[in-house]
Amino acid sequence: MLPEPVVEDTRAADLFVEDDRGHIAQGDRVLLIVEDDPNYAKVLLEMARDRGFKAVVAQRGAAALALARELKPDAITLDIRLPDFDGWRVLDRFESGSGHAAHSGANHHGR
């Protein structure tokens, strides 16, 4: 069993991209974007909004896990290379503890 990651303040660390975290209402479709590249996160954010989602960006795996528990998103995009631990480990955590089904489309965009 993997040790629990250290959970950081999800509000302060992930505001490098202006997302929808303060504008989510009951009934909104929510996408959690787990991506440490701010430029790519912005692309995914705009694509999500164009498709009717409210989107929240996490740049670290620990923040993604905390946000997933808090927001219960309808969908998650997951980068494989993250600053604190790799996306495969985050995916394992989603599968084992958050109640999210593992339907993965892993992202490793050229790194």
C-alpha atoms as a PDB file:
ATOM      1  CA  MET A   1       0.000   0.000   0.000  1.00  0.00           C
ATOM      2  CA  LEU A   2       1.301   3.458  -0.926  1.00  0.00           C
ATOM      3  CA  PRO A   3       1.715   6.087   1.806  1.00  0.00           C
ATOM      4  CA  GLU A   4      -0.776   8.937   1.838  1.00  0.00           C
ATOM      5  CA  PRO A   5       0.531  12.045   0.049  1.00  0.00           C
ATOM      6  CA  VAL A   6       0.892  15.284   1.937  1.00  0.00           C
ATOM      7  CA  VAL A   7      -2.165  17.399   1.182  1.00  0.00           C
ATOM      8  CA  GLU A   8      -1.405  21.012   0.470  1.00  0.00           C
ATOM      9  CA  ASP A   9      -3.627  24.073   0.407  1.00  0.00           C
ATOM     10  CA  THR A  10      -5.538  23.509  -2.821  1.00  0.00           C
ATOM     11  CA  ARG A  11      -6.622  27.118  -3.085  1.00  0.00           C
ATOM     12  CA  ALA A  12      -3.241  28.884  -2.919  1.00  0.00           C
ATOM     13  CA  ALA A  13      -1.003  26.480  -4.826  1.00  0.00           C
ATOM     14  CA  ASP A  14      -3.249  26.016  -7.829  1.00  0.00           C
ATOM     15  CA  LEU A  15      -4.302  29.546  -8.665  1.00  0.00           C
ATOM     16  CA  PHE A  16      -1.661  29.811 -11.382  1.00  0.00           C
ATOM     17  CA  VAL A  17      -4.549  29.454 -13.863  1.00  0.00           C
ATOM     18  CA  GLU A  18      -7.777  31.342 -13.287  1.00  0.00           C
ATOM     19  CA  ASP A  19     -10.323  28.551 -13.168  1.00  0.00           C
ATOM     20  CA  ASP A  20     -13.965  28.150 -12.148  1.00  0.00           C
ATOM     21  CA  ARG A  21     -13.501  26.968  -8.543  1.00  0.00           C
ATOM     22  CA  GLY A  22     -15.360  29.953  -7.102  1.00  0.00           C
ATOM     23  CA  HIS A  23     -18.213  29.744  -9.608  1.00  0.00           C
ATOM     24  CA  ILE A  24     -19.490  26.173  -9.340  1.00  0.00           C
ATOM     25  CA  ALA A  25     -23.186  25.777  -8.636  1.00  0.00           C
ATOM     26  CA  GLN A  26     -25.183  22.673  -7.850  1.00  0.00           C
ATOM     27  CA  GLY A  27     -25.940  20.848 -11.096  1.00  0.00           C
ATOM     28  CA  ASP A  28     -22.858  22.141 -12.960  1.00  0.00           C
ATOM     29  CA  ARG A  29     -20.780  19.583 -14.799  1.00  0.00           C
ATOM     30  CA  VAL A  30     -17.290  19.805 -13.310  1.00  0.00           C
ATOM     31  CA  LEU A  31     -13.966  18.799 -14.884  1.00  0.00           C
ATOM     32  CA  LEU A  32     -10.850  18.491 -12.718  1.00  0.00           C
ATOM     33  CA  ILE A  33      -7.763  19.268 -14.801  1.00  0.00           C
ATOM     34  CA  VAL A  34      -4.573  17.874 -13.247  1.00  0.00           C
ATOM     35  CA  GLU A  35      -1.789  19.611 -15.166  1.00  0.00           C
ATOM     36  CA  ASP A  36       1.366  21.449 -14.093  1.00  0.00           C
ATOM     37  CA  ASP A  37       1.971  23.255 -17.402  1.00  0.00           C
ATOM     38  CA  PRO A  38      -0.068  26.481 -17.156  1.00  0.00           C
ATOM     39  CA  ASN A  39      -0.270  26.960 -20.929  1.00  0.00           C
ATOM     40  CA  TYR A  40      -1.638  23.477 -21.535  1.00  0.00           C
ATOM     41  CA  ALA A  41      -3.950  23.794 -18.515  1.00  0.00           C
ATOM     42  CA  LYS A  42      -5.414  26.957 -20.079  1.00  0.00           C
ATOM     43  CA  VAL A  43      -6.049  25.103 -23.353  1.00  0.00           C
ATOM     44  CA  LEU A  44      -7.834  22.295 -21.507  1.00  0.00           C
ATOM     45  CA  LEU A  45      -9.775  24.835 -19.435  1.00  0.00           C
ATOM     46  CA  GLU A  46     -11.083  26.621 -22.521  1.00  0.00           C
ATOM     47  CA  MET A  47     -11.956  23.322 -24.216  1.00  0.00           C
ATOM     48  CA  ALA A  48     -13.882  22.245 -21.108  1.00  0.00           C
ATOM     49  CA  ARG A  49     -15.781  25.522 -20.967  1.00  0.00           C
ATOM     50  CA  ASP A  50     -16.623  25.266 -24.681  1.00  0.00           C
ATOM     51  CA  ARG A  51     -18.199  21.889 -23.910  1.00  0.00           C
ATOM     52  CA  GLY A  52     -20.295  23.150 -21.024  1.00  0.00           C
ATOM     53  CA  PHE A  53     -18.072  22.191 -18.083  1.00  0.00           C
ATOM     54  CA  LYS A  54     -16.903  24.263 -15.167  1.00  0.00           C
ATOM     55  CA  ALA A  55     -13.239  23.408 -14.739  1.00  0.00           C
ATOM     56  CA  VAL A  56     -10.805  23.457 -11.836  1.00  0.00           C
ATOM     57  CA  VAL A  57      -7.030  23.136 -12.298  1.00  0.00           C
ATOM     58  CA  ALA A  58      -4.651  21.340  -9.910  1.00  0.00           C
ATOM     59  CA  GLN A  59      -0.936  21.454 -10.614  1.00  0.00           C
ATOM     60  CA  ARG A  60       0.045  18.754  -8.108  1.00  0.00           C
ATOM     61  CA  GLY A  61      -1.196  15.265  -7.379  1.00  0.00           C
ATOM     62  CA  ALA A  62      -1.908  15.933  -3.701  1.00  0.00           C
ATOM     63  CA  ALA A  63      -4.049  18.947  -4.593  1.00  0.00           C
ATOM     64  CA  ALA A  64      -5.869  16.879  -7.225  1.00  0.00           C
ATOM     65  CA  LEU A  65      -6.784  14.239  -4.654  1.00  0.00           C
ATOM     66  CA  ALA A  66      -8.067  16.848  -2.220  1.00  0.00           C
ATOM     67  CA  LEU A  67     -10.072  18.624  -4.931  1.00  0.00           C
ATOM     68  CA  ALA A  68     -11.539  15.336  -6.168  1.00  0.00           C
ATOM     69  CA  ARG A  69     -12.791  14.573  -2.663  1.00  0.00           C
ATOM     70  CA  GLU A  70     -14.170  18.101  -2.273  1.00  0.00           C
ATOM     71  CA  LEU A  71     -15.729  18.656  -5.705  1.00  0.00           C
ATOM     72  CA  LYS A  72     -16.666  15.123  -6.808  1.00  0.00           C
ATOM     73  CA  PRO A  73     -15.984  16.065 -10.455  1.00  0.00           C
ATOM     74  CA  ASP A  74     -17.824  14.491 -13.370  1.00  0.00           C
ATOM     75  CA  ALA A  75     -14.560  13.996 -15.257  1.00  0.00           C
ATOM     76  CA  ILE A  76     -10.817  14.272 -14.657  1.00  0.00           C
ATOM     77  CA  THR A  77      -7.911  14.871 -17.028  1.00  0.00           C
ATOM     78  CA  LEU A  78      -4.616  13.679 -15.584  1.00  0.00           C
ATOM     79  CA  ASP A  79      -1.050  14.567 -16.518  1.00  0.00           C
ATOM     80  CA  ILE A  80       1.400  11.724 -15.943  1.00  0.00           C
ATOM     81  CA  ARG A  81       4.356  13.885 -14.881  1.00  0.00           C
ATOM     82  CA  LEU A  82       3.563  16.041 -11.879  1.00  0.00           C
ATOM     83  CA  PRO A  83       5.931  17.896  -9.524  1.00  0.00           C
ATOM     84  CA  ASP A  84       5.059  15.951  -6.364  1.00  0.00           C
ATOM     85  CA  PHE A  85       4.383  12.439  -7.677  1.00  0.00           C
ATOM     86  CA  ASP A  86       3.523  10.821 -10.966  1.00  0.00           C
ATOM     87  CA  GLY A  87       0.040  10.670 -12.421  1.00  0.00           C
ATOM     88  CA  TRP A  88      -0.060   6.872 -12.261  1.00  0.00           C
ATOM     89  CA  ARG A  89       0.095   7.142  -8.480  1.00  0.00           C
ATOM     90  CA  VAL A  90      -2.684   9.737  -8.517  1.00  0.00           C
ATOM     91  CA  LEU A  91      -4.749   7.386 -10.678  1.00  0.00           C
ATOM     92  CA  ASP A  92      -4.175   4.565  -8.172  1.00  0.00           C
ATOM     93  CA  ARG A  93      -5.442   6.856  -5.409  1.00  0.00           C
ATOM     94  CA  PHE A  94      -8.525   7.789  -7.430  1.00  0.00           C
ATOM     95  CA  GLU A  95      -9.297   4.123  -8.015  1.00  0.00           C
ATOM     96  CA  SER A  96      -8.709   2.997  -4.434  1.00  0.00           C
ATOM     97  CA  GLY A  97     -10.095   5.754  -2.297  1.00  0.00           C
ATOM     98  CA  SER A  98     -12.088   8.495  -3.927  1.00  0.00           C
ATOM     99  CA  GLY A  99     -14.949   6.521  -5.402  1.00  0.00           C
ATOM    100  CA  HIS A 100     -14.089   7.726  -8.901  1.00  0.00           C
ATOM    101  CA  ALA A 101     -14.180   5.108 -11.595  1.00  0.00           C
ATOM    102  CA  ALA A 102     -10.913   4.725 -13.434  1.00  0.00           C
ATOM    103  CA  HIS A 103     -11.569   5.706 -17.020  1.00  0.00           C
ATOM    104  CA  SER A 104      -8.172   7.058 -17.840  1.00  0.00           C
ATOM    105  CA  GLY A 105      -6.959   9.085 -20.746  1.00  0.00           C
ATOM    106  CA  ALA A 106      -3.383   9.694 -19.611  1.00  0.00           C
ATOM    107  CA  ASN A 107      -1.614  12.797 -20.839  1.00  0.00           C
ATOM    108  CA  HIS A 108       2.112  12.998 -21.317  1.00  0.00           C
ATOM    109  CA  HIS A 109       2.285  15.755 -23.954  1.00  0.00           C
ATOM    110  CA  GLY A 110       5.880  15.511 -25.141  1.00  0.00           C
ATOM    111  CA  ARG A 111       7.830  15.460 -21.866  1.00  0.00           C
END
